[in-house]
Structures are given as C-alpha cells and as structure tokens.
Amino acid sequence: MDRKMANRKLIRLSHLKNKLATENLEEIDWVTFGVIVKKVTPQSANNGRTFSIWRLNDLRDLNECVSLFLFGEVHKEHWKTEQGTV
C-alpha cells in the first residue's frame, strides 16, 4: 500500500465536496476509499444502455455520501459487486 500511495494525496470521501470547492484536484494525484453503503438496481438510460449507481461512504460521517455512476465496461465488470465492499 505504501508503494501504491507514494506521491499521492489521500482525500477522505467525507471531505471530497469541500476539497472540490477549494482545490483544483485535476492538478493533484489523489485517491480516495469508500464502502458501498447502497446500490440501486441497474437502470436503463435513454439510449438503452444499462448503468449502476452506488452510494459510497468513508464511514467517518454517515451523512456524507458520494454517488458513483458506473457505465459501459465498468458497469459490466462491476455491477455484481456486493454492498459493503470497500
């Protein structure tokens, strides 16, 4: 993990909204970790393609969640991932 995190900044999911407002994260090599706390049944977009929505949380502030939309190959590969997975 030390090797993977070298030269990267950890941003907690519960702080992400504030960081997006105050920093230009496009210029920073950053990572975050989250737990899937809720999954919505896969949906169909207007174009007919299926996608998933996950609600992620860092378990620090249960009121602060991030919605992650999975499309295309990412959806196909990960839609069966279990709730509670990190």
Protein backbone atom coordinates (compact mmCIF):
# COMPACT_ATOMS: atom_id res chain seq x y z
CA MET A 1 0.00 0.00 0.00
CA ASP A 2 2.88 2.37 0.75
CA ARG A 3 4.19 1.85 -2.78
CA LYS A 4 0.76 2.45 -4.35
CA MET A 5 0.21 5.60 -2.27
CA ALA A 6 3.67 7.10 -2.90
CA ASN A 7 3.34 10.72 -4.11
CA ARG A 8 -0.45 10.59 -3.89
CA LYS A 9 -2.75 12.56 -1.63
CA LEU A 10 -5.47 10.73 0.31
CA ILE A 11 -8.76 12.61 0.34
CA ARG A 12 -11.50 11.18 2.54
CA LEU A 13 -14.88 10.86 0.83
CA SER A 14 -16.45 12.90 3.63
CA HIS A 15 -14.06 15.77 2.72
CA LEU A 16 -14.35 15.45 -1.06
CA LYS A 17 -17.09 18.06 -1.55
CA ASN A 18 -15.08 20.67 0.36
CA LYS A 19 -11.85 19.77 -1.47
CA LEU A 20 -13.57 20.08 -4.85
CA ALA A 21 -14.72 23.57 -3.90
CA THR A 22 -11.36 24.78 -2.60
CA GLU A 23 -8.68 22.93 -4.60
CA ASN A 24 -8.00 22.13 -8.24
CA LEU A 25 -7.92 18.34 -7.91
CA GLU A 26 -7.16 17.91 -11.61
CA GLU A 27 -3.61 19.00 -10.86
CA ILE A 28 -3.14 16.60 -7.91
CA ASP A 29 -2.59 12.84 -7.98
CA TRP A 30 -5.15 11.86 -5.36
CA VAL A 31 -7.01 8.76 -4.21
CA THR A 32 -9.99 8.01 -2.03
CA PHE A 33 -11.51 4.94 -0.44
CA GLY A 34 -15.14 4.18 0.13
CA VAL A 35 -17.56 1.49 1.19
CA ILE A 36 -20.59 0.72 -0.95
CA VAL A 37 -23.38 1.56 1.50
CA LYS A 38 -26.22 1.36 -1.02
CA LYS A 39 -26.71 0.02 -4.52
CA VAL A 40 -29.58 0.97 -6.80
CA THR A 41 -30.92 -1.74 -9.10
CA PRO A 42 -29.28 -1.29 -12.53
CA GLN A 43 -31.12 1.29 -14.64
CA SER A 44 -31.55 1.87 -18.37
CA ALA A 45 -30.51 5.22 -19.82
CA ASN A 46 -32.46 6.95 -22.60
CA ASN A 47 -30.03 5.46 -25.11
CA GLY A 48 -30.88 1.94 -23.89
CA ARG A 49 -27.57 1.29 -22.15
CA THR A 50 -27.61 -0.07 -18.62
CA PHE A 51 -25.80 1.63 -15.75
CA SER A 52 -25.48 1.29 -11.99
CA ILE A 53 -25.47 3.79 -9.15
CA TRP A 54 -23.56 3.17 -5.94
CA ARG A 55 -23.67 5.31 -2.80
CA LEU A 56 -20.21 5.39 -1.20
CA ASN A 57 -19.18 6.48 2.29
CA ASP A 58 -15.91 6.51 4.24
CA LEU A 59 -17.70 5.50 7.50
CA ARG A 60 -16.44 8.67 9.17
CA ASP A 61 -19.56 10.77 8.54
CA LEU A 62 -22.54 8.64 7.57
CA ASN A 63 -24.43 11.72 6.35
CA GLU A 64 -21.83 12.45 3.65
CA CYS A 65 -22.15 10.05 0.72
CA VAL A 66 -20.90 10.21 -2.84
CA SER A 67 -22.95 8.79 -5.71
CA LEU A 68 -20.88 6.87 -8.24
CA PHE A 69 -22.40 6.15 -11.65
CA LEU A 70 -21.00 3.13 -13.50
CA PHE A 71 -21.40 2.99 -17.28
CA GLY A 72 -20.14 0.82 -20.15
CA GLU A 73 -17.42 -1.71 -19.43
CA VAL A 74 -17.09 -0.57 -15.81
CA HIS A 75 -20.77 -1.33 -15.25
CA LYS A 76 -20.50 -4.71 -16.99
CA GLU A 77 -17.46 -5.69 -14.93
CA HIS A 78 -18.56 -4.45 -11.51
CA TRP A 79 -22.39 -4.33 -11.30
CA LYS A 80 -22.50 -7.51 -9.21
CA THR A 81 -20.13 -6.11 -6.54
CA GLU A 82 -21.72 -6.60 -3.14
CA GLN A 83 -22.91 -3.82 -0.87
CA GLY A 84 -20.39 -3.44 1.96
CA THR A 85 -17.40 -3.88 -0.35
CA VAL A 86 -14.53 -1.39 0.00
